[in-house]
């Protein structure tokens, strides 16, 4: 306190239980959702080994669990808290029902969850919610290039469902949402290649013709390489966008690979460290310190709100609607 006295917070045991569940969410591992995968593998969420056994005890509020895929959303990684998936679905349904404007009419790309300090904090779920930044090219009225053929197939690319990726940042994580894409021309090419494979395999039969065997292996490799499902988050797609619209391409907020995603801010810190004498363990210690301080601030806020019986008091039940009246009103 300002007079040197210490403020003592009386923390009930329930708060410690809820915060433990919050820590489970904060320290959850991150896995990647497919980018540029084919339909057969798109959206396949990796489930825990014990998922569905029925012997698992009831989890604490906010704790991780294997989420049930939501009907209108591509299933995302099982490490994503269920409350985050519900926040994602709520945002999409608000657009569908007209409670929010269409994505192309948004004034901001990011949707932020309610601040848990402004709520009753009955559970730790509020601290599991992260902002979601939506990224799709209809925002700027441009076509989406094909991941395989770029702008040559852009007119054949259609946009599908939204999906999320978790992005690691300097102080905390956030989510990046993009739309699945389908290239109808690439789909026709793959269908034709599959037909050619069937014909060559039928011709080869039980024979050991080396020429036909080589041709069959080549066709099978082409079938495997020919994908027609992708995403607006695909780095290859963004590369094509950057070549034609550099301002939009450079604004892409994260670096994505198949298994990880890192924010541009964190990447700038890492890049500068590589050009200076900063060692890798120093960089690791710095990120650990930043994220620990952020978690400690969250913890203090969680304790404060959870221990306050009236977290949002109205000190003046009859506020003055005109706080600055004219001292000399006209008669």
Protein backbone atom coordinates (compact mmCIF):
# COMPACT_ATOMS: atom_id res chain seq x y z
CA UNK A 1 0.00 0.00 0.00
CA UNK A 2 1.07 3.64 -0.32
CA UNK A 3 1.59 3.98 3.45
CA UNK A 4 3.85 0.95 3.62
CA UNK A 5 1.17 -1.45 4.88
CA UNK A 6 0.79 -4.79 3.17
CA UNK A 7 -2.52 -5.87 1.68
CA UNK A 8 -3.51 -9.35 2.84
CA UNK A 9 -5.77 -11.31 0.50
CA UNK A 10 -7.81 -14.11 2.05
CA UNK A 11 -7.68 -16.84 -0.58
CA UNK A 12 -10.15 -19.73 -0.19
CA UNK A 13 -9.07 -23.23 -1.15
CA UNK A 14 -11.49 -23.11 -4.09
CA UNK A 15 -9.34 -20.43 -5.70
CA UNK A 16 -6.22 -22.59 -5.51
CA UNK A 17 -8.12 -25.45 -7.14
CA UNK A 18 -9.31 -23.22 -9.97
CA UNK A 19 -5.86 -21.77 -10.51
CA UNK A 20 -4.34 -25.24 -10.74
CA UNK A 21 -6.77 -25.93 -13.58
CA UNK A 22 -5.73 -22.65 -15.17
CA UNK A 23 -2.07 -23.71 -14.98
CA UNK A 24 -2.96 -26.95 -16.76
CA UNK A 25 -4.30 -24.86 -19.62
CA UNK A 26 -1.43 -22.37 -19.66
CA UNK A 27 1.21 -25.10 -19.84
CA UNK A 28 -0.64 -27.26 -22.37
CA UNK A 29 1.43 -28.53 -25.30
CA UNK A 30 0.82 -27.12 -28.76
CA UNK A 31 0.18 -29.26 -31.82
CA UNK A 32 -0.47 -28.18 -35.40
CA UNK A 33 -3.63 -28.44 -37.38
CA UNK A 34 -3.10 -29.52 -40.98
CA UNK A 35 -2.10 -26.88 -43.49
CA UNK A 36 -2.39 -27.97 -47.09
CA UNK A 37 -3.53 -31.47 -46.18
CA UNK A 38 -5.74 -33.59 -48.38
CA UNK A 39 -9.37 -34.21 -47.52
CA UNK A 40 -8.59 -37.68 -46.19
CA UNK A 41 -6.37 -36.22 -43.47
CA UNK A 42 -7.80 -32.75 -43.02
CA UNK A 43 -8.95 -31.93 -39.55
CA UNK A 44 -7.76 -35.14 -37.96
CA UNK A 45 -7.30 -34.16 -34.34
CA UNK A 46 -4.82 -36.18 -32.34
CA UNK A 47 -6.64 -37.62 -29.35
CA UNK A 48 -5.04 -38.64 -26.03
CA UNK A 49 -4.38 -42.31 -25.55
CA UNK A 50 -7.01 -42.60 -22.81
CA UNK A 51 -9.69 -40.59 -24.61
CA UNK A 52 -13.00 -42.40 -24.67
CA UNK A 53 -12.07 -45.07 -22.11
CA UNK A 54 -14.83 -43.92 -19.76
CA UNK A 55 -12.64 -44.45 -16.67
CA UNK A 56 -11.29 -40.91 -16.50
CA UNK A 57 -12.40 -39.02 -13.36
CA UNK A 58 -14.33 -35.78 -13.58
CA UNK A 59 -12.02 -32.91 -14.48
CA UNK A 60 -11.77 -29.62 -12.66
CA UNK A 61 -13.47 -26.56 -14.15
CA UNK A 62 -11.31 -25.26 -16.96
CA UNK A 63 -9.07 -28.33 -17.09
CA UNK A 64 -8.14 -29.84 -20.41
CA UNK A 65 -10.22 -32.59 -21.93
CA UNK A 66 -10.59 -34.22 -25.31
CA UNK A 67 -13.10 -31.90 -26.98
CA UNK A 68 -16.00 -33.12 -29.06
CA UNK A 69 -15.65 -31.71 -32.60
CA UNK A 70 -18.12 -28.90 -33.16
CA UNK A 71 -20.46 -29.30 -36.11
CA UNK A 72 -19.56 -26.14 -38.05
CA UNK A 73 -15.85 -26.02 -37.20
CA UNK A 74 -13.03 -28.16 -38.48
CA UNK A 75 -11.76 -30.19 -35.47
CA UNK A 76 -8.64 -28.57 -34.06
CA UNK A 77 -5.87 -29.88 -31.86
CA UNK A 78 -6.93 -31.59 -28.65
CA UNK A 79 -4.53 -29.39 -26.67
CA UNK A 80 -6.81 -26.42 -27.31
CA UNK A 81 -9.02 -25.79 -24.27
CA UNK A 82 -12.68 -26.49 -24.85
CA UNK A 83 -13.59 -22.98 -23.68
CA UNK A 84 -11.40 -21.56 -26.47
CA UNK A 85 -13.19 -23.70 -29.05
CA UNK A 86 -16.53 -22.50 -27.71
CA UNK A 87 -15.38 -18.87 -27.91
CA UNK A 88 -14.36 -19.52 -31.52
CA UNK A 89 -17.73 -21.10 -32.32
CA UNK A 90 -19.59 -18.27 -30.61
CA UNK A 91 -17.80 -15.73 -32.81
CA UNK A 92 -18.62 -17.65 -36.00
CA UNK A 93 -22.26 -18.14 -35.02
CA UNK A 94 -22.55 -14.41 -34.27
CA UNK A 95 -21.59 -13.75 -37.90
CA UNK A 96 -24.02 -16.38 -39.17
CA UNK A 97 -26.94 -15.02 -37.12
CA UNK A 98 -26.23 -11.39 -37.95
CA UNK A 99 -25.14 -10.39 -34.45
CA UNK A 100 -21.79 -9.43 -35.98
CA UNK A 101 -21.17 -7.99 -39.43
CA UNK A 102 -19.75 -10.26 -42.14
CA UNK A 103 -16.01 -10.77 -41.94
CA UNK A 104 -15.37 -8.58 -44.99
CA UNK A 105 -17.00 -5.64 -43.17
CA UNK A 106 -14.97 -5.90 -39.96
CA UNK A 107 -12.93 -2.90 -38.85
CA UNK A 108 -10.47 -5.05 -36.91
CA UNK A 109 -9.01 -8.46 -37.66
CA UNK A 110 -8.81 -9.47 -34.01
CA UNK A 111 -11.59 -10.62 -31.71
CA UNK A 112 -10.70 -10.31 -28.04
CA UNK A 113 -12.41 -12.23 -25.22
CA UNK A 114 -13.92 -10.47 -22.21
CA UNK A 115 -11.41 -9.34 -19.60
CA UNK A 116 -11.66 -11.77 -16.66
CA UNK A 117 -10.92 -8.92 -14.25
CA UNK A 118 -14.32 -7.49 -15.15
CA UNK A 119 -16.24 -10.68 -14.31
CA UNK A 120 -17.06 -12.79 -11.30
CA UNK A 121 -14.37 -15.35 -12.15
CA UNK A 122 -16.37 -18.33 -10.89
CA UNK A 123 -14.07 -20.66 -12.84
CA UNK A 124 -10.62 -20.42 -14.35
CA UNK A 125 -12.04 -20.67 -17.87
CA UNK A 126 -11.82 -16.91 -18.42
CA UNK A 127 -8.03 -17.04 -18.10
CA UNK A 128 -7.81 -19.77 -20.75
CA UNK A 129 -9.35 -17.54 -23.40
CA UNK A 130 -6.92 -16.00 -25.88
CA UNK A 131 -7.54 -13.43 -28.63
CA UNK A 132 -8.25 -14.76 -32.12
CA UNK A 133 -7.00 -12.99 -35.22
CA UNK A 134 -8.95 -13.90 -38.36
CA UNK A 135 -7.13 -13.98 -41.69
CA UNK A 136 -8.85 -14.50 -45.04
CA UNK A 137 -8.44 -12.66 -48.30
CA UNK A 138 -12.07 -11.65 -48.85
CA UNK A 139 -11.33 -8.93 -46.30
CA UNK A 140 -9.46 -7.08 -49.07
CA UNK A 141 -11.63 -8.18 -51.96
CA UNK A 142 -8.89 -10.27 -53.61
CA UNK A 143 -8.83 -13.86 -54.77
CA UNK A 144 -7.00 -16.59 -52.86
CA UNK A 145 -4.20 -18.22 -54.87
CA UNK A 146 -3.84 -21.96 -55.19
CA UNK A 147 -1.11 -23.48 -53.03
CA UNK A 148 0.17 -25.52 -55.99
CA UNK A 149 -0.27 -23.24 -59.02
CA UNK A 150 -0.53 -19.80 -57.48
CA UNK A 151 -2.60 -17.21 -59.33
CA UNK A 152 -3.03 -19.48 -62.38
CA UNK A 153 -5.72 -21.41 -60.46
CA UNK A 154 -6.99 -18.55 -58.30
CA UNK A 155 -10.37 -18.43 -60.03
CA UNK A 156 -10.92 -22.09 -59.16
CA UNK A 157 -10.25 -21.69 -55.42
CA UNK A 158 -13.24 -21.60 -53.07
CA UNK A 159 -13.24 -20.81 -49.34
CA UNK A 160 -14.50 -23.27 -46.75
CA UNK A 161 -14.71 -23.53 -42.99
CA UNK A 162 -12.66 -21.61 -40.46
CA UNK A 163 -9.97 -23.31 -38.37
CA UNK A 164 -7.46 -22.11 -35.76
CA UNK A 165 -3.75 -22.34 -35.06
CA UNK A 166 -2.18 -21.51 -31.71
CA UNK A 167 0.61 -18.93 -32.02
CA UNK A 168 3.46 -18.55 -29.53
CA UNK A 169 4.25 -14.91 -28.76
CA UNK A 170 6.71 -13.09 -26.50
CA UNK A 171 4.50 -12.74 -23.42
CA UNK A 172 1.56 -15.07 -24.07
CA UNK A 173 -0.15 -17.12 -26.76
CA UNK A 174 -2.95 -16.17 -29.12
CA UNK A 175 -4.81 -17.87 -31.95
CA UNK A 176 -4.80 -17.30 -35.69
CA UNK A 177 -7.90 -18.35 -37.64
CA UNK A 178 -7.99 -19.01 -41.35
CA UNK A 179 -10.31 -20.60 -43.88
CA UNK A 180 -9.90 -23.92 -45.63
CA UNK A 181 -9.55 -23.66 -49.39
CA UNK A 182 -10.36 -26.08 -52.20
CA UNK A 183 -9.00 -25.80 -55.74
CA UNK A 184 -11.49 -27.47 -58.08
CA UNK A 185 -9.00 -27.64 -60.95
CA UNK A 186 -6.39 -29.42 -58.81
CA UNK A 187 -9.14 -31.76 -57.64
CA UNK A 188 -9.91 -32.67 -61.27
CA UNK A 189 -6.21 -33.18 -61.92
CA UNK A 190 -5.95 -35.56 -58.98
CA UNK A 191 -9.02 -37.46 -60.14
CA UNK A 192 -7.46 -37.86 -63.57
CA UNK A 193 -4.19 -39.04 -62.05
CA UNK A 194 -6.00 -41.63 -59.92
CA UNK A 195 -7.77 -42.89 -63.03
CA UNK A 196 -4.43 -43.17 -64.84
CA UNK A 197 -2.99 -45.11 -61.91
CA UNK A 198 -5.90 -47.55 -62.02
CA UNK A 199 -5.45 -48.05 -65.77
CA UNK A 200 -1.69 -48.66 -65.55
CA UNK A 201 -2.15 -50.98 -62.58
CA UNK A 202 -4.77 -52.94 -64.53
CA UNK A 203 -2.46 -53.16 -67.54
CA UNK A 204 0.49 -54.24 -65.41
CA UNK A 205 -1.48 -56.99 -63.69
CA UNK A 206 0.78 -59.71 -62.33
CA UNK A 207 3.56 -59.02 -64.81
CA UNK A 208 6.92 -57.57 -63.87
CA UNK A 209 7.30 -55.16 -66.76
CA UNK A 210 9.93 -52.67 -65.47
CA UNK A 211 8.70 -49.82 -67.69
CA UNK A 212 5.10 -50.12 -66.50
CA UNK A 213 6.23 -50.56 -62.90
CA UNK A 214 8.27 -47.37 -63.12
CA UNK A 215 5.38 -45.52 -64.74
CA UNK A 216 3.04 -46.74 -61.99
CA UNK A 217 5.43 -45.56 -59.26
CA UNK A 218 5.72 -42.15 -60.91
CA UNK A 219 1.93 -41.78 -61.21
CA UNK A 220 1.41 -42.79 -57.59
CA UNK A 221 3.96 -40.20 -56.48
CA UNK A 222 2.15 -37.55 -58.54
CA UNK A 223 -1.16 -38.51 -56.96
CA UNK A 224 0.34 -38.15 -53.51
CA UNK A 225 1.88 -34.78 -54.35
CA UNK A 226 -1.27 -33.39 -55.97
CA UNK A 227 -3.25 -31.81 -53.12
CA UNK A 228 -6.24 -29.59 -53.60
CA UNK A 229 -7.08 -28.77 -49.95
CA UNK A 230 -5.17 -25.89 -48.38
CA UNK A 231 -5.75 -22.88 -46.15
CA UNK A 232 -5.50 -19.10 -46.17
CA UNK A 233 -2.85 -19.62 -43.47
CA UNK A 234 -0.63 -21.72 -45.73
CA UNK A 235 2.83 -20.05 -46.01
CA UNK A 236 2.98 -20.93 -49.71
CA UNK A 237 -0.35 -19.18 -50.30
CA UNK A 238 0.89 -16.15 -48.41
CA UNK A 239 4.05 -16.13 -50.53
CA UNK A 240 1.93 -15.82 -53.68
CA UNK A 241 -0.09 -13.04 -52.04
CA UNK A 242 3.10 -11.18 -51.11
CA UNK A 243 4.33 -11.25 -54.71
CA UNK A 244 1.22 -9.49 -55.99
CA UNK A 245 0.06 -7.61 -52.87
CA UNK A 246 3.19 -7.01 -50.76
CA UNK A 247 1.37 -4.83 -48.23
CA UNK A 248 -1.06 -7.63 -47.38
CA UNK A 249 1.57 -10.34 -47.48
CA UNK A 250 3.90 -8.42 -45.16
CA UNK A 251 1.03 -7.88 -42.69
CA UNK A 252 0.61 -11.64 -42.12
CA UNK A 253 1.06 -11.82 -38.33
CA UNK A 254 2.89 -15.11 -37.81
CA UNK A 255 5.46 -17.57 -39.11
CA UNK A 256 3.81 -20.96 -39.63
CA UNK A 257 5.23 -24.41 -40.18
CA UNK A 258 3.47 -27.75 -40.19
CA UNK A 259 4.00 -28.23 -36.45
CA UNK A 260 4.42 -24.78 -34.93
CA UNK A 261 3.45 -21.13 -35.22
CA UNK A 262 5.32 -18.12 -33.86
CA UNK A 263 4.32 -14.47 -33.91
CA UNK A 264 6.20 -11.90 -35.97
CA UNK A 265 7.12 -10.03 -32.77
CA UNK A 266 8.76 -13.13 -31.29
CA UNK A 267 10.47 -13.84 -34.60
CA UNK A 268 11.92 -10.33 -34.67
CA UNK A 269 13.43 -10.89 -31.22
CA UNK A 270 14.88 -14.23 -32.31
CA UNK A 271 16.26 -12.78 -35.54
CA UNK A 272 18.00 -9.95 -33.74
CA UNK A 273 19.48 -12.40 -31.23
CA UNK A 274 20.95 -14.39 -34.13
CA UNK A 275 22.71 -11.25 -35.42
CA UNK A 276 24.15 -10.30 -32.05
CA UNK A 277 26.16 -12.07 -29.38
CA UNK A 278 23.05 -13.25 -27.54
CA UNK A 279 23.27 -16.98 -26.97
CA UNK A 280 20.36 -19.37 -27.32
CA UNK A 281 20.13 -20.03 -23.58
CA UNK A 282 19.98 -16.28 -22.93
CA UNK A 283 17.10 -16.01 -25.38
CA UNK A 284 15.33 -18.92 -23.73
CA UNK A 285 15.80 -17.33 -20.30
CA UNK A 286 14.41 -14.02 -21.55
CA UNK A 287 11.24 -15.60 -22.97
CA UNK A 288 10.82 -17.65 -19.81
CA UNK A 289 11.13 -14.52 -17.69
CA UNK A 290 8.65 -12.54 -19.77
CA UNK A 291 6.05 -15.29 -19.77
CA UNK A 292 6.56 -16.00 -16.07
CA UNK A 293 5.98 -12.36 -15.17
CA UNK A 294 2.84 -12.34 -17.33
CA UNK A 295 1.59 -15.52 -15.63
CA UNK A 296 2.30 -14.01 -12.20
CA UNK A 297 0.24 -10.93 -13.08
CA UNK A 298 -2.58 -13.19 -14.23
CA UNK A 299 -2.33 -15.14 -11.01
CA UNK A 300 -2.57 -12.02 -8.83
CA UNK A 301 -5.56 -10.78 -10.82
CA UNK A 302 -7.21 -14.19 -10.54
CA UNK A 303 -6.73 -14.25 -6.76
CA UNK A 304 -7.98 -10.70 -6.38
CA UNK A 305 -11.19 -11.22 -8.33
CA UNK A 306 -11.91 -14.68 -6.96
CA UNK A 307 -11.49 -13.52 -3.37
CA UNK A 308 -13.66 -10.41 -3.81
CA UNK A 309 -17.33 -11.10 -2.99
CA UNK A 310 -18.36 -8.02 -4.98
CA UNK A 311 -15.87 -7.83 -7.86
CA UNK A 312 -17.60 -5.03 -9.73
CA UNK A 313 -19.03 -2.73 -7.03
CA UNK A 314 -20.91 0.42 -7.89
CA UNK A 315 -19.66 2.88 -5.33
CA UNK A 316 -22.29 5.43 -6.36
CA UNK A 317 -25.71 3.79 -6.78
CA UNK A 318 -27.12 7.01 -8.22
CA UNK A 319 -24.47 8.40 -10.52
CA UNK A 320 -24.86 11.91 -11.84
CA UNK A 321 -25.77 11.67 -15.53
CA UNK A 322 -24.09 15.03 -16.06
CA UNK A 323 -20.81 14.89 -14.10
CA UNK A 324 -19.66 18.32 -15.32
CA UNK A 325 -22.71 20.60 -15.16
CA UNK A 326 -22.50 24.21 -16.24
CA UNK A 327 -21.88 26.25 -13.03
CA UNK A 328 -23.81 29.16 -14.50
CA UNK A 329 -26.83 27.68 -16.23
CA UNK A 330 -29.01 29.97 -18.25
CA UNK A 331 -32.29 30.89 -16.52
